[in-house]
């Protein structure tokens, strides 16, 4: 069992990275965990979109 972590500034970028990984692998996907973190710096809001793909390589 293995994991691959992704971390992007926008949901669209995260989606593209995960889709590219899923298209490039023949592994069995076990789970995908998604998380959003928000921080406030002055008047700005900073978002961090991340996901962890848990997969098993086919032999």
PDB file of N, CA and C in Angstrom:
ATOM      1  N   UNK A   1       0.846  -1.163   0.000  1.00  0.00           N
ATOM      2  CA  UNK A   1       0.000   0.000   0.000  1.00  0.00           C
ATOM      3  C   UNK A   1       0.898   1.235   0.000  1.00  0.00           C
ATOM      4  N   UNK A   2       0.520   2.244  -0.777  1.00  0.00           N
ATOM      5  CA  UNK A   2       1.293   3.473  -0.877  1.00  0.00           C
ATOM      6  C   UNK A   2       0.367   4.670  -0.805  1.00  0.00           C
ATOM      7  N   UNK A   3       0.955   5.869  -0.611  1.00  0.00           N
ATOM      8  CA  UNK A   3       0.189   7.105  -0.634  1.00  0.00           C
ATOM      9  C   UNK A   3       0.878   8.113  -1.552  1.00  0.00           C
ATOM     10  N   UNK A   4       0.083   9.005  -2.099  1.00  0.00           N
ATOM     11  CA  UNK A   4       0.583  10.121  -2.894  1.00  0.00           C
ATOM     12  C   UNK A   4      -0.163  11.353  -2.397  1.00  0.00           C
ATOM     13  N   UNK A   5       0.597  12.387  -1.996  1.00  0.00           N
ATOM     14  CA  UNK A   5      -0.007  13.606  -1.458  1.00  0.00           C
ATOM     15  C   UNK A   5       0.063  14.730  -2.482  1.00  0.00           C
ATOM     16  N   UNK A   6      -0.991  15.520  -2.517  1.00  0.00           N
ATOM     17  CA  UNK A   6      -1.093  16.657  -3.411  1.00  0.00           C
ATOM     18  C   UNK A   6      -1.433  17.890  -2.585  1.00  0.00           C
ATOM     19  N   UNK A   7      -0.888  19.049  -2.973  1.00  0.00           N
ATOM     20  CA  UNK A   7      -1.132  20.299  -2.253  1.00  0.00           C
ATOM     21  C   UNK A   7      -1.136  21.435  -3.273  1.00  0.00           C
ATOM     22  N   UNK A   8      -2.270  22.099  -3.430  1.00  0.00           N
ATOM     23  CA  UNK A   8      -2.402  23.161  -4.434  1.00  0.00           C
ATOM     24  C   UNK A   8      -3.118  24.370  -3.847  1.00  0.00           C
ATOM     25  N   UNK A   9      -3.006  25.493  -4.548  1.00  0.00           N
ATOM     26  CA  UNK A   9      -3.620  26.743  -4.091  1.00  0.00           C
ATOM     27  C   UNK A   9      -5.076  26.890  -4.514  1.00  0.00           C
ATOM     28  N   UNK A  10      -5.483  26.145  -5.539  1.00  0.00           N
ATOM     29  CA  UNK A  10      -6.869  26.216  -6.001  1.00  0.00           C
ATOM     30  C   UNK A  10      -7.438  24.814  -6.151  1.00  0.00           C
ATOM     31  N   UNK A  11      -8.755  24.720  -6.041  1.00  0.00           N
ATOM     32  CA  UNK A  11      -9.424  23.429  -6.220  1.00  0.00           C
ATOM     33  C   UNK A  11      -9.200  22.887  -7.629  1.00  0.00           C
ATOM     34  N   UNK A  12      -9.243  23.762  -8.613  1.00  0.00           N
ATOM     35  CA  UNK A  12      -9.082  23.346 -10.005  1.00  0.00           C
ATOM     36  C   UNK A  12      -7.689  22.747 -10.237  1.00  0.00           C
ATOM     37  N   UNK A  13      -6.643  23.379  -9.671  1.00  0.00           N
ATOM     38  CA  UNK A  13      -5.287  22.838  -9.807  1.00  0.00           C
ATOM     39  C   UNK A  13      -5.171  21.472  -9.137  1.00  0.00           C
ATOM     40  N   UNK A  14      -5.774  21.341  -7.963  1.00  0.00           N
ATOM     41  CA  UNK A  14      -5.743  20.058  -7.252  1.00  0.00           C
ATOM     42  C   UNK A  14      -6.456  18.979  -8.065  1.00  0.00           C
ATOM     43  N   UNK A  15      -7.593  19.330  -8.603  1.00  0.00           N
ATOM     44  CA  UNK A  15      -8.362  18.392  -9.416  1.00  0.00           C
ATOM     45  C   UNK A  15      -7.550  17.930 -10.627  1.00  0.00           C
ATOM     46  N   UNK A  16      -6.890  18.851 -11.302  1.00  0.00           N
ATOM     47  CA  UNK A  16      -6.089  18.509 -12.473  1.00  0.00           C
ATOM     48  C   UNK A  16      -4.926  17.585 -12.109  1.00  0.00           C
ATOM     49  N   UNK A  17      -4.247  17.865 -11.006  1.00  0.00           N
ATOM     50  CA  UNK A  17      -3.112  17.029 -10.586  1.00  0.00           C
ATOM     51  C   UNK A  17      -3.566  15.614 -10.231  1.00  0.00           C
ATOM     52  N   UNK A  18      -4.672  15.517  -9.494  1.00  0.00           N
ATOM     53  CA  UNK A  18      -5.169  14.192  -9.108  1.00  0.00           C
ATOM     54  C   UNK A  18      -5.634  13.417 -10.337  1.00  0.00           C
ATOM     55  N   UNK A  19      -6.353  14.078 -11.235  1.00  0.00           N
ATOM     56  CA  UNK A  19      -6.817  13.402 -12.453  1.00  0.00           C
ATOM     57  C   UNK A  19      -5.648  12.928 -13.308  1.00  0.00           C
ATOM     58  N   UNK A  20      -4.594  13.749 -13.398  1.00  0.00           N
ATOM     59  CA  UNK A  20      -3.406  13.342 -14.161  1.00  0.00           C
ATOM     60  C   UNK A  20      -2.762  12.109 -13.531  1.00  0.00           C
ATOM     61  N   UNK A  21      -2.683  12.078 -12.204  1.00  0.00           N
ATOM     62  CA  UNK A  21      -2.117  10.916 -11.513  1.00  0.00           C
ATOM     63  C   UNK A  21      -2.980   9.679 -11.759  1.00  0.00           C
ATOM     64  N   UNK A  22      -4.288   9.830 -11.629  1.00  0.00           N
ATOM     65  CA  UNK A  22      -5.188   8.689 -11.816  1.00  0.00           C
ATOM     66  C   UNK A  22      -5.111   8.132 -13.244  1.00  0.00           C
ATOM     67  N   UNK A  23      -4.939   9.012 -14.222  1.00  0.00           N
ATOM     68  CA  UNK A  23      -4.830   8.562 -15.622  1.00  0.00           C
ATOM     69  C   UNK A  23      -3.495   7.891 -15.902  1.00  0.00           C
ATOM     70  N   UNK A  24      -2.473   8.256 -15.128  1.00  0.00           N
ATOM     71  CA  UNK A  24      -1.130   7.733 -15.401  1.00  0.00           C
ATOM     72  C   UNK A  24      -0.803   6.446 -14.649  1.00  0.00           C
ATOM     73  N   UNK A  25      -1.670   6.030 -13.758  1.00  0.00           N
ATOM     74  CA  UNK A  25      -1.378   4.843 -12.958  1.00  0.00           C
ATOM     75  C   UNK A  25      -2.378   3.728 -13.247  1.00  0.00           C
ATOM     76  N   UNK A  26      -1.911   2.510 -13.143  1.00  0.00           N
ATOM     77  CA  UNK A  26      -2.790   1.352 -13.278  1.00  0.00           C
ATOM     78  C   UNK A  26      -3.033   0.716 -11.913  1.00  0.00           C
ATOM     79  N   UNK A  27      -2.704   1.465 -10.860  1.00  0.00           N
ATOM     80  CA  UNK A  27      -2.851   0.974  -9.494  1.00  0.00           C
ATOM     81  C   UNK A  27      -4.316   0.935  -9.084  1.00  0.00           C
ATOM     82  N   UNK A  28      -4.596   0.131  -8.069  1.00  0.00           N
ATOM     83  CA  UNK A  28      -5.928   0.091  -7.475  1.00  0.00           C
ATOM     84  C   UNK A  28      -6.038   1.226  -6.469  1.00  0.00           C
ATOM     85  N   UNK A  29      -6.998   2.123  -6.673  1.00  0.00           N
ATOM     86  CA  UNK A  29      -7.205   3.238  -5.753  1.00  0.00           C
ATOM     87  C   UNK A  29      -8.042   2.730  -4.584  1.00  0.00           C
ATOM     88  N   UNK A  30      -7.528   2.927  -3.383  1.00  0.00           N
ATOM     89  CA  UNK A  30      -8.209   2.459  -2.186  1.00  0.00           C
ATOM     90  C   UNK A  30      -9.049   3.568  -1.569  1.00  0.00           C
ATOM     91  N   UNK A  31      -8.484   4.781  -1.511  1.00  0.00           N
ATOM     92  CA  UNK A  31      -9.185   5.894  -0.863  1.00  0.00           C
ATOM     93  C   UNK A  31      -8.568   7.212  -1.322  1.00  0.00           C
ATOM     94  N   UNK A  32      -9.367   8.267  -1.288  1.00  0.00           N
ATOM     95  CA  UNK A  32      -8.865   9.620  -1.512  1.00  0.00           C
ATOM     96  C   UNK A  32      -9.382  10.477  -0.367  1.00  0.00           C
ATOM     97  N   UNK A  33      -8.463  11.102   0.356  1.00  0.00           N
ATOM     98  CA  UNK A  33      -8.810  11.978   1.477  1.00  0.00           C
ATOM     99  C   UNK A  33      -8.580  13.421   1.049  1.00  0.00           C
ATOM    100  N   UNK A  34      -9.569  14.271   1.268  1.00  0.00           N
ATOM    101  CA  UNK A  34      -9.542  15.652   0.825  1.00  0.00           C
ATOM    102  C   UNK A  34      -9.589  16.570   2.032  1.00  0.00           C
ATOM    103  N   UNK A  35      -8.860  17.695   1.962  1.00  0.00           N
ATOM    104  CA  UNK A  35      -8.838  18.628   3.093  1.00  0.00           C
ATOM    105  C   UNK A  35      -8.617  20.050   2.582  1.00  0.00           C
ATOM    106  N   UNK A  36      -9.254  21.006   3.261  1.00  0.00           N
ATOM    107  CA  UNK A  36      -9.066  22.418   2.955  1.00  0.00           C
ATOM    108  C   UNK A  36      -8.628  23.121   4.233  1.00  0.00           C
ATOM    109  N   UNK A  37      -7.578  23.935   4.107  1.00  0.00           N
ATOM    110  CA  UNK A  37      -7.120  24.750   5.235  1.00  0.00           C
ATOM    111  C   UNK A  37      -7.233  26.214   4.825  1.00  0.00           C
ATOM    112  N   UNK A  38      -7.680  27.041   5.747  1.00  0.00           N
ATOM    113  CA  UNK A  38      -7.839  28.469   5.489  1.00  0.00           C
ATOM    114  C   UNK A  38      -7.103  29.243   6.567  1.00  0.00           C
ATOM    115  N   UNK A  39      -6.322  30.219   6.127  1.00  0.00           N
ATOM    116  CA  UNK A  39      -5.610  31.090   7.069  1.00  0.00           C
ATOM    117  C   UNK A  39      -5.917  32.538   6.698  1.00  0.00           C
ATOM    118  N   UNK A  40      -5.917  33.401   7.683  1.00  0.00           N
ATOM    119  CA  UNK A  40      -6.150  34.818   7.448  1.00  0.00           C
ATOM    120  C   UNK A  40      -4.860  35.562   7.736  1.00  0.00           C
ATOM    121  N   UNK A  41      -4.436  36.367   6.758  1.00  0.00           N
ATOM    122  CA  UNK A  41      -3.227  37.167   6.917  1.00  0.00           C
ATOM    123  C   UNK A  41      -3.607  38.599   6.546  1.00  0.00           C
ATOM    124  N   UNK A  42      -3.766  39.428   7.558  1.00  0.00           N
ATOM    125  CA  UNK A  42      -4.252  40.785   7.314  1.00  0.00           C
ATOM    126  C   UNK A  42      -5.676  40.717   6.804  1.00  0.00           C
ATOM    127  N   UNK A  43      -5.911  41.282   5.623  1.00  0.00           N
ATOM    128  CA  UNK A  43      -7.240  41.235   5.015  1.00  0.00           C
ATOM    129  C   UNK A  43      -7.373  40.106   3.993  1.00  0.00           C
ATOM    130  N   UNK A  44      -6.305  39.337   3.804  1.00  0.00           N
ATOM    131  CA  UNK A  44      -6.300  38.254   2.822  1.00  0.00           C
ATOM    132  C   UNK A  44      -6.650  36.920   3.461  1.00  0.00           C
ATOM    133  N   UNK A  45      -7.344  36.090   2.693  1.00  0.00           N
ATOM    134  CA  UNK A  45      -7.597  34.715   3.089  1.00  0.00           C
ATOM    135  C   UNK A  45      -6.733  33.821   2.206  1.00  0.00           C
ATOM    136  N   UNK A  46      -6.019  32.915   2.829  1.00  0.00           N
ATOM    137  CA  UNK A  46      -5.142  32.003   2.111  1.00  0.00           C
ATOM    138  C   UNK A  46      -5.734  30.600   2.212  1.00  0.00           C
ATOM    139  N   UNK A  47      -5.939  29.970   1.059  1.00  0.00           N
ATOM    140  CA  UNK A  47      -6.512  28.630   1.008  1.00  0.00           C
ATOM    141  C   UNK A  47      -5.446  27.625   0.611  1.00  0.00           C
ATOM    142  N   UNK A  48      -5.539  26.444   1.188  1.00  0.00           N
ATOM    143  CA  UNK A  48      -4.669  25.338   0.824  1.00  0.00           C
ATOM    144  C   UNK A  48      -5.565  24.116   0.615  1.00  0.00           C
ATOM    145  N   UNK A  49      -5.588  23.616  -0.597  1.00  0.00           N
ATOM    146  CA  UNK A  49      -6.389  22.446  -0.936  1.00  0.00           C
ATOM    147  C   UNK A  49      -5.444  21.261  -1.059  1.00  0.00           C
ATOM    148  N   UNK A  50      -5.713  20.211  -0.302  1.00  0.00           N
ATOM    149  CA  UNK A  50      -4.824  19.057  -0.343  1.00  0.00           C
ATOM    150  C   UNK A  50      -5.625  17.760  -0.377  1.00  0.00           C
ATOM    151  N   UNK A  51      -4.950  16.742  -0.863  1.00  0.00           N
ATOM    152  CA  UNK A  51      -5.565  15.419  -0.938  1.00  0.00           C
ATOM    153  C   UNK A  51      -4.479  14.365  -0.823  1.00  0.00           C
ATOM    154  N   UNK A  52      -4.867  13.241  -0.268  1.00  0.00           N
ATOM    155  CA  UNK A  52      -3.976  12.094  -0.169  1.00  0.00           C
ATOM    156  C   UNK A  52      -4.670  10.917  -0.854  1.00  0.00           C
ATOM    157  N   UNK A  53      -3.993  10.349  -1.824  1.00  0.00           N
ATOM    158  CA  UNK A  53      -4.515   9.185  -2.541  1.00  0.00           C
ATOM    159  C   UNK A  53      -3.826   7.950  -1.973  1.00  0.00           C
ATOM    160  N   UNK A  54      -4.630   7.027  -1.486  1.00  0.00           N
ATOM    161  CA  UNK A  54      -4.105   5.759  -0.972  1.00  0.00           C
ATOM    162  C   UNK A  54      -4.347   4.725  -2.058  1.00  0.00           C
ATOM    163  N   UNK A  55      -3.272   4.019  -2.457  1.00  0.00           N
ATOM    164  CA  UNK A  55      -3.396   3.092  -3.567  1.00  0.00           C
ATOM    165  C   UNK A  55      -2.501   1.872  -3.350  1.00  0.00           C
ATOM    166  N   UNK A  56      -2.771   0.862  -4.134  1.00  0.00           N
ATOM    167  CA  UNK A  56      -2.001  -0.369  -4.091  1.00  0.00           C
ATOM    168  C   UNK A  56      -1.533  -0.668  -5.510  1.00  0.00           C
ATOM    169  N   UNK A  57      -0.232  -0.841  -5.676  1.00  0.00           N
ATOM    170  CA  UNK A  57       0.307  -1.141  -6.996  1.00  0.00           C
ATOM    171  C   UNK A  57      -0.047  -2.560  -7.397  1.00  0.00           C
ATOM    172  N   UNK A  58      -0.435  -2.731  -8.640  1.00  0.00           N
ATOM    173  CA  UNK A  58      -0.730  -4.067  -9.152  1.00  0.00           C
ATOM    174  C   UNK A  58       0.575  -4.770  -9.465  1.00  0.00           C
ATOM    175  N   UNK A  59       0.633  -6.024  -9.183  1.00  0.00           N
ATOM    176  CA  UNK A  59       1.854  -6.807  -9.423  1.00  0.00           C
ATOM    177  C   UNK A  59       1.864  -7.442 -10.781  1.00  0.00           C
TER     178      UNK A  59
END
